[in-house]
Amino acid sequence: MPFNTLSPSSFKTKYKVDILSSPKATFRLAVGCERLKKIISANSEAPLNVEFLMNDINTSSKLSRDAYEELIASVFDRNAVPLQQALAESGLSVDHIDAVELVGGTTRIPVVRARIQLMHPRPHRARTSAGMTTTTTV
């Protein structure tokens, strides 16, 4: 299971440090994971390197996009709820939607775009665009 490569217990086993006991180490790991998330959205594999994680220990690991998507599958499953709620509140059906404009950091994740496109019965009409910036959509 890919979670074993990033779990606190794996750091304890591999590097002999308890990262949960140090807020600084936990923060450094979170920053490293955020960096990994951005890299993995454009690549099939990404490194997770955290220098001086704790006790002057440098850590390194790799994660594939498939393993990443498996790790956060429950988050992706929640994406459909607000989309379905917006459709219900608008009184529109999916057939009335010509395009979906995605804004924000998660738009870089290919599986997010793919899952939104799956909600459309006619994929040739469903387009996602991540080219707009937040300031142009406000």
N, C-alpha and C. Protein backbone atom coordinates (compact mmCIF):
# COMPACT_ATOMS: atom_id res chain seq x y z
N MET A 1 0.85 -1.18 0.00
CA MET A 1 0.00 0.00 0.00
C MET A 1 0.89 1.25 0.00
N PRO A 2 0.60 2.21 -0.85
CA PRO A 2 1.48 3.37 -0.97
C PRO A 2 1.52 4.26 0.27
N PHE A 3 0.48 4.26 1.09
CA PHE A 3 0.47 5.11 2.27
C PHE A 3 1.65 4.78 3.19
N ASN A 4 2.10 3.54 3.17
CA ASN A 4 3.21 3.15 4.03
C ASN A 4 4.46 3.96 3.74
N THR A 5 4.62 4.45 2.53
CA THR A 5 5.81 5.21 2.19
C THR A 5 5.78 6.62 2.77
N LEU A 6 4.60 7.12 3.16
CA LEU A 6 4.50 8.48 3.68
C LEU A 6 3.96 8.55 5.11
N SER A 7 3.65 7.44 5.71
CA SER A 7 3.05 7.46 7.04
C SER A 7 4.09 7.80 8.10
N PRO A 8 3.63 8.39 9.21
CA PRO A 8 4.56 8.69 10.31
C PRO A 8 5.30 7.46 10.81
N SER A 9 4.64 6.31 10.81
CA SER A 9 5.32 5.10 11.29
C SER A 9 6.45 4.68 10.35
N SER A 10 6.30 4.98 9.04
CA SER A 10 7.39 4.64 8.12
C SER A 10 8.61 5.51 8.37
N PHE A 11 8.40 6.77 8.73
CA PHE A 11 9.52 7.65 9.07
C PHE A 11 10.19 7.17 10.36
N LYS A 12 9.37 6.70 11.28
CA LYS A 12 9.92 6.20 12.55
C LYS A 12 10.77 4.95 12.31
N THR A 13 10.29 4.09 11.41
CA THR A 13 11.02 2.87 11.11
C THR A 13 12.29 3.16 10.30
N LYS A 14 12.16 3.95 9.25
CA LYS A 14 13.27 4.19 8.33
C LYS A 14 14.32 5.14 8.89
N TYR A 15 13.87 6.23 9.54
CA TYR A 15 14.80 7.27 9.98
C TYR A 15 14.94 7.37 11.50
N LYS A 16 14.18 6.56 12.23
CA LYS A 16 14.23 6.55 13.70
C LYS A 16 13.84 7.90 14.31
N VAL A 17 12.83 8.56 13.71
CA VAL A 17 12.32 9.82 14.25
C VAL A 17 10.79 9.77 14.28
N ASP A 18 10.24 10.41 15.30
CA ASP A 18 8.78 10.50 15.43
C ASP A 18 8.38 11.91 14.97
N ILE A 19 7.99 12.04 13.70
CA ILE A 19 7.71 13.36 13.15
C ILE A 19 6.49 14.01 13.80
N LEU A 20 5.59 13.22 14.34
CA LEU A 20 4.39 13.79 14.97
C LEU A 20 4.72 14.46 16.30
N SER A 21 5.88 14.18 16.85
CA SER A 21 6.25 14.80 18.12
C SER A 21 6.84 16.20 17.93
N SER A 22 7.09 16.57 16.69
CA SER A 22 7.68 17.88 16.42
C SER A 22 6.82 18.66 15.44
N PRO A 23 6.22 19.77 15.88
CA PRO A 23 5.42 20.59 14.95
C PRO A 23 6.24 21.08 13.76
N LYS A 24 7.51 21.37 13.99
CA LYS A 24 8.37 21.84 12.90
C LYS A 24 8.56 20.74 11.86
N ALA A 25 8.78 19.50 12.29
CA ALA A 25 8.95 18.38 11.37
C ALA A 25 7.66 18.12 10.61
N THR A 26 6.54 18.19 11.31
CA THR A 26 5.24 17.99 10.65
C THR A 26 5.00 19.07 9.60
N PHE A 27 5.35 20.30 9.92
CA PHE A 27 5.20 21.40 8.97
C PHE A 27 6.11 21.20 7.76
N ARG A 28 7.36 20.83 7.99
CA ARG A 28 8.29 20.60 6.88
C ARG A 28 7.81 19.48 5.98
N LEU A 29 7.26 18.43 6.56
CA LEU A 29 6.71 17.33 5.75
C LEU A 29 5.51 17.82 4.95
N ALA A 30 4.65 18.63 5.55
CA ALA A 30 3.48 19.17 4.84
C ALA A 30 3.92 20.04 3.66
N VAL A 31 4.95 20.84 3.84
CA VAL A 31 5.48 21.67 2.75
C VAL A 31 6.02 20.78 1.64
N GLY A 32 6.75 19.74 2.03
CA GLY A 32 7.28 18.80 1.04
C GLY A 32 6.18 18.09 0.27
N CYS A 33 5.11 17.72 0.97
CA CYS A 33 3.97 17.06 0.31
C CYS A 33 3.25 18.01 -0.64
N GLU A 34 3.14 19.27 -0.26
CA GLU A 34 2.52 20.27 -1.15
C GLU A 34 3.35 20.42 -2.42
N ARG A 35 4.65 20.46 -2.29
CA ARG A 35 5.54 20.54 -3.44
C ARG A 35 5.38 19.29 -4.32
N LEU A 36 5.31 18.12 -3.67
CA LEU A 36 5.12 16.87 -4.39
C LEU A 36 3.81 16.89 -5.17
N LYS A 37 2.75 17.40 -4.56
CA LYS A 37 1.44 17.46 -5.22
C LYS A 37 1.51 18.27 -6.50
N LYS A 38 2.22 19.38 -6.48
CA LYS A 38 2.34 20.22 -7.67
C LYS A 38 3.15 19.55 -8.76
N ILE A 39 4.21 18.86 -8.37
CA ILE A 39 5.06 18.18 -9.35
C ILE A 39 4.33 17.00 -9.96
N ILE A 40 3.64 16.25 -9.13
CA ILE A 40 3.00 15.01 -9.60
C ILE A 40 1.81 15.28 -10.51
N SER A 41 1.27 16.49 -10.46
CA SER A 41 0.15 16.80 -11.35
C SER A 41 0.61 16.90 -12.80
N ALA A 42 1.88 17.14 -13.02
CA ALA A 42 2.41 17.25 -14.38
C ALA A 42 3.32 16.09 -14.76
N ASN A 43 3.65 15.23 -13.81
CA ASN A 43 4.57 14.12 -14.07
C ASN A 43 3.98 12.82 -13.52
N SER A 44 4.47 11.70 -14.02
CA SER A 44 3.95 10.42 -13.55
C SER A 44 4.58 9.98 -12.23
N GLU A 45 5.69 10.61 -11.84
CA GLU A 45 6.35 10.29 -10.59
C GLU A 45 7.01 11.55 -10.06
N ALA A 46 7.09 11.66 -8.74
CA ALA A 46 7.69 12.86 -8.15
C ALA A 46 8.47 12.48 -6.89
N PRO A 47 9.54 13.23 -6.62
CA PRO A 47 10.31 12.97 -5.40
C PRO A 47 9.72 13.72 -4.21
N LEU A 48 9.92 13.17 -3.05
CA LEU A 48 9.59 13.86 -1.81
C LEU A 48 10.88 13.95 -1.02
N ASN A 49 11.49 15.12 -1.06
CA ASN A 49 12.74 15.36 -0.36
C ASN A 49 12.50 16.42 0.70
N VAL A 50 12.81 16.08 1.94
CA VAL A 50 12.67 17.04 3.03
C VAL A 50 14.01 17.12 3.74
N GLU A 51 14.65 18.27 3.59
CA GLU A 51 15.94 18.46 4.23
C GLU A 51 15.75 18.86 5.69
N PHE A 52 16.59 18.33 6.53
CA PHE A 52 16.56 18.61 7.97
C PHE A 52 15.16 18.44 8.55
N LEU A 53 14.55 17.32 8.21
CA LEU A 53 13.20 17.05 8.71
C LEU A 53 13.18 17.12 10.24
N MET A 54 14.13 16.43 10.82
CA MET A 54 14.19 16.39 12.28
C MET A 54 15.57 15.84 12.67
N ASN A 55 16.18 16.42 13.67
CA ASN A 55 17.49 15.95 14.14
C ASN A 55 18.53 15.91 13.02
N ASP A 56 18.52 16.92 12.16
CA ASP A 56 19.45 17.04 11.04
C ASP A 56 19.39 15.86 10.07
N ILE A 57 18.22 15.24 9.94
CA ILE A 57 18.04 14.11 9.03
C ILE A 57 17.38 14.59 7.75
N ASN A 58 17.99 14.24 6.63
CA ASN A 58 17.40 14.52 5.32
C ASN A 58 16.66 13.27 4.87
N THR A 59 15.44 13.45 4.41
CA THR A 59 14.64 12.30 3.97
C THR A 59 14.36 12.40 2.49
N SER A 60 14.17 11.25 1.87
CA SER A 60 13.80 11.24 0.46
C SER A 60 12.96 10.01 0.17
N SER A 61 12.05 10.20 -0.76
CA SER A 61 11.15 9.14 -1.17
C SER A 61 10.62 9.52 -2.54
N LYS A 62 9.96 8.59 -3.21
CA LYS A 62 9.32 8.87 -4.49
C LYS A 62 7.88 8.37 -4.42
N LEU A 63 7.04 9.02 -5.20
CA LEU A 63 5.63 8.64 -5.24
C LEU A 63 5.15 8.72 -6.67
N SER A 64 4.44 7.71 -7.13
CA SER A 64 3.89 7.73 -8.48
C SER A 64 2.51 8.39 -8.45
N ARG A 65 2.06 8.86 -9.60
CA ARG A 65 0.75 9.50 -9.67
C ARG A 65 -0.34 8.50 -9.30
N ASP A 66 -0.20 7.25 -9.73
CA ASP A 66 -1.20 6.23 -9.39
C ASP A 66 -1.29 6.03 -7.88
N ALA A 67 -0.13 5.97 -7.22
CA ALA A 67 -0.12 5.80 -5.77
C ALA A 67 -0.72 7.03 -5.09
N TYR A 68 -0.40 8.22 -5.61
CA TYR A 68 -0.95 9.47 -5.07
C TYR A 68 -2.46 9.48 -5.18
N GLU A 69 -2.97 9.10 -6.35
CA GLU A 69 -4.42 9.09 -6.55
C GLU A 69 -5.09 8.07 -5.65
N GLU A 70 -4.41 6.96 -5.38
CA GLU A 70 -4.95 5.96 -4.47
C GLU A 70 -4.99 6.50 -3.03
N LEU A 71 -3.95 7.25 -2.66
CA LEU A 71 -3.88 7.82 -1.32
C LEU A 71 -5.03 8.79 -1.04
N ILE A 72 -5.41 9.56 -2.04
CA ILE A 72 -6.42 10.59 -1.80
C ILE A 72 -7.72 10.33 -2.57
N ALA A 73 -7.99 9.08 -2.86
CA ALA A 73 -9.21 8.72 -3.59
C ALA A 73 -10.47 9.21 -2.88
N SER A 74 -10.49 9.18 -1.56
CA SER A 74 -11.69 9.62 -0.83
C SER A 74 -11.94 11.11 -1.05
N VAL A 75 -10.89 11.88 -1.24
CA VAL A 75 -11.04 13.31 -1.50
C VAL A 75 -11.67 13.51 -2.88
N PHE A 76 -11.20 12.74 -3.86
CA PHE A 76 -11.75 12.84 -5.21
C PHE A 76 -13.23 12.44 -5.23
N ASP A 77 -13.58 11.45 -4.42
CA ASP A 77 -14.98 11.00 -4.38
C ASP A 77 -15.89 12.12 -3.87
N ARG A 78 -15.37 13.01 -3.04
CA ARG A 78 -16.18 14.11 -2.51
C ARG A 78 -16.43 15.21 -3.53
N ASN A 79 -15.65 15.25 -4.61
CA ASN A 79 -15.79 16.30 -5.62
C ASN A 79 -17.16 16.29 -6.28
N ALA A 80 -17.75 15.14 -6.43
CA ALA A 80 -19.03 15.04 -7.13
C ALA A 80 -20.17 15.69 -6.34
N VAL A 81 -20.09 15.69 -5.02
CA VAL A 81 -21.18 16.20 -4.19
C VAL A 81 -21.50 17.67 -4.48
N PRO A 82 -20.53 18.60 -4.43
CA PRO A 82 -20.89 20.00 -4.71
C PRO A 82 -21.34 20.22 -6.15
N LEU A 83 -20.82 19.43 -7.08
CA LEU A 83 -21.26 19.57 -8.47
C LEU A 83 -22.72 19.15 -8.63
N GLN A 84 -23.07 18.03 -8.01
CA GLN A 84 -24.46 17.57 -8.07
C GLN A 84 -25.38 18.53 -7.33
N GLN A 85 -24.92 19.09 -6.23
CA GLN A 85 -25.72 20.05 -5.46
C GLN A 85 -25.95 21.32 -6.28
N ALA A 86 -24.91 21.79 -6.97
CA ALA A 86 -25.06 22.99 -7.80
C ALA A 86 -26.05 22.74 -8.94
N LEU A 87 -26.00 21.58 -9.54
CA LEU A 87 -26.97 21.24 -10.59
C LEU A 87 -28.38 21.22 -10.03
N ALA A 88 -28.56 20.59 -8.89
CA ALA A 88 -29.89 20.49 -8.28
C ALA A 88 -30.44 21.87 -7.94
N GLU A 89 -29.60 22.74 -7.36
CA GLU A 89 -30.04 24.07 -6.97
C GLU A 89 -30.32 24.97 -8.17
N SER A 90 -29.62 24.74 -9.27
CA SER A 90 -29.82 25.57 -10.45
C SER A 90 -31.05 25.15 -11.26
N GLY A 91 -31.49 23.92 -11.04
CA GLY A 91 -32.62 23.42 -11.81
C GLY A 91 -32.21 22.96 -13.21
N LEU A 92 -30.93 22.91 -13.48
CA LEU A 92 -30.43 22.48 -14.78
C LEU A 92 -30.07 21.00 -14.75
N SER A 93 -30.01 20.41 -15.91
CA SER A 93 -29.51 19.05 -16.02
C SER A 93 -28.12 19.11 -16.63
N VAL A 94 -27.42 18.02 -16.60
CA VAL A 94 -26.06 17.96 -17.15
C VAL A 94 -26.09 18.28 -18.65
N ASP A 95 -27.19 17.96 -19.32
CA ASP A 95 -27.31 18.23 -20.76
C ASP A 95 -27.26 19.72 -21.07
N HIS A 96 -27.58 20.57 -20.10
CA HIS A 96 -27.57 22.02 -20.31
C HIS A 96 -26.19 22.66 -20.10
N ILE A 97 -25.23 21.87 -19.65
CA ILE A 97 -23.89 22.39 -19.35
C ILE A 97 -23.00 22.22 -20.58
N ASP A 98 -22.46 23.33 -21.06
CA ASP A 98 -21.56 23.28 -22.22
C ASP A 98 -20.10 23.19 -21.81
N ALA A 99 -19.73 23.79 -20.70
CA ALA A 99 -18.34 23.78 -20.27
C ALA A 99 -18.26 23.96 -18.76
N VAL A 100 -17.18 23.50 -18.21
CA VAL A 100 -16.92 23.65 -16.78
C VAL A 100 -15.60 24.39 -16.65
N GLU A 101 -15.60 25.50 -15.95
CA GLU A 101 -14.38 26.28 -15.73
C GLU A 101 -13.85 25.93 -14.34
N LEU A 102 -12.64 25.43 -14.30
CA LEU A 102 -12.02 25.06 -13.04
C LEU A 102 -11.02 26.14 -12.63
N VAL A 103 -11.07 26.53 -11.37
CA VAL A 103 -10.18 27.56 -10.86
C VAL A 103 -9.57 27.05 -9.56
N GLY A 104 -8.28 27.23 -9.41
CA GLY A 104 -7.61 26.87 -8.16
C GLY A 104 -6.58 25.78 -8.35
N GLY A 105 -5.92 25.46 -7.26
CA GLY A 105 -4.81 24.52 -7.30
C GLY A 105 -5.18 23.11 -7.71
N THR A 106 -6.36 22.66 -7.34
CA THR A 106 -6.73 21.28 -7.67
C THR A 106 -6.99 21.08 -9.16
N THR A 107 -7.12 22.16 -9.90
CA THR A 107 -7.35 22.02 -11.34
C THR A 107 -6.14 21.44 -12.04
N ARG A 108 -4.99 21.46 -11.39
CA ARG A 108 -3.79 20.88 -11.98
C ARG A 108 -3.82 19.36 -11.92
N ILE A 109 -4.65 18.79 -11.09
CA ILE A 109 -4.67 17.34 -10.90
C ILE A 109 -5.50 16.71 -12.01
N PRO A 110 -4.87 15.92 -12.88
CA PRO A 110 -5.58 15.35 -14.03
C PRO A 110 -6.81 14.53 -13.66
N VAL A 111 -6.78 13.81 -12.55
CA VAL A 111 -7.92 12.98 -12.19
C VAL A 111 -9.14 13.84 -11.82
N VAL A 112 -8.94 15.05 -11.33
CA VAL A 112 -10.07 15.94 -11.02
C VAL A 112 -10.78 16.30 -12.32
N ARG A 113 -10.01 16.70 -13.32
CA ARG A 113 -10.61 17.02 -14.62
C ARG A 113 -11.31 15.81 -15.22
N ALA A 114 -10.66 14.66 -15.13
CA ALA A 114 -11.24 13.44 -15.70
C ALA A 114 -12.56 13.07 -15.02
N ARG A 115 -12.62 13.20 -13.71
CA ARG A 115 -13.87 12.85 -13.00
C ARG A 115 -15.00 13.82 -13.31
N ILE A 116 -14.67 15.08 -13.49
CA ILE A 116 -15.71 16.04 -13.87
C ILE A 116 -16.21 15.73 -15.27
N GLN A 117 -15.31 15.39 -16.15
CA GLN A 117 -15.72 15.04 -17.51
C GLN A 117 -16.58 13.78 -17.53
N LEU A 118 -16.36 12.85 -16.61
CA LEU A 118 -17.16 11.63 -16.54
C LEU A 118 -18.61 11.92 -16.17
N MET A 119 -18.86 13.03 -15.51
CA MET A 119 -20.23 13.37 -15.11
C MET A 119 -21.08 13.78 -16.31
N HIS A 120 -20.44 14.11 -17.41
CA HIS A 120 -21.17 14.56 -18.60
C HIS A 120 -21.48 13.39 -19.52
N PRO A 121 -22.75 13.21 -19.90
CA PRO A 121 -23.11 12.08 -20.76
C PRO A 121 -22.56 12.23 -22.18
N ARG A 122 -22.29 13.46 -22.58
CA ARG A 122 -21.73 13.69 -23.92
C ARG A 122 -20.37 14.33 -23.76
N PRO A 123 -19.31 13.52 -23.69
CA PRO A 123 -17.98 14.07 -23.40
C PRO A 123 -17.49 15.09 -24.42
N HIS A 124 -17.99 15.03 -25.67
CA HIS A 124 -17.52 16.01 -26.65
C HIS A 124 -17.99 17.42 -26.31
N ARG A 125 -19.02 17.57 -25.49
CA ARG A 125 -19.50 18.89 -25.08
C ARG A 125 -18.88 19.34 -23.78
N ALA A 126 -18.36 18.41 -23.03
CA ALA A 126 -17.81 18.76 -21.72
C ALA A 126 -16.34 19.14 -21.87
N ARG A 127 -16.04 20.37 -21.58
CA ARG A 127 -14.66 20.85 -21.65
C ARG A 127 -14.30 21.43 -20.29
N THR A 128 -13.10 21.18 -19.88
CA THR A 128 -12.64 21.83 -18.67
C THR A 128 -11.50 22.76 -19.06
N SER A 129 -11.49 23.91 -18.48
CA SER A 129 -10.47 24.90 -18.78
C SER A 129 -9.82 25.35 -17.50
N ALA A 130 -8.53 25.17 -17.43
CA ALA A 130 -7.80 25.61 -16.24
C ALA A 130 -6.96 26.84 -16.57
N GLY A 131 -7.22 27.44 -17.72
CA GLY A 131 -6.40 28.55 -18.18
C GLY A 131 -6.74 29.88 -17.56
N MET A 132 -7.88 30.01 -16.91
CA MET A 132 -8.25 31.28 -16.32
C MET A 132 -7.59 31.43 -14.95
N THR A 133 -7.22 32.66 -14.64
CA THR A 133 -6.64 32.92 -13.33
C THR A 133 -7.76 33.32 -12.36
N THR A 134 -7.47 33.21 -11.10
CA THR A 134 -8.45 33.56 -10.08
C THR A 134 -8.92 35.01 -10.21
N THR A 135 -8.01 35.92 -10.55
CA THR A 135 -8.39 37.33 -10.63
C THR A 135 -9.29 37.61 -11.81
N THR A 136 -9.21 36.84 -12.89
CA THR A 136 -10.07 37.07 -14.04
C THR A 136 -11.45 36.46 -13.84
N THR A 137 -11.61 35.58 -12.86
CA THR A 137 -12.90 34.96 -12.66
C THR A 137 -13.69 35.59 -11.52
N VAL A 138 -13.05 36.46 -10.78
CA VAL A 138 -13.74 37.09 -9.63
C VAL A 138 -14.64 38.18 -10.11
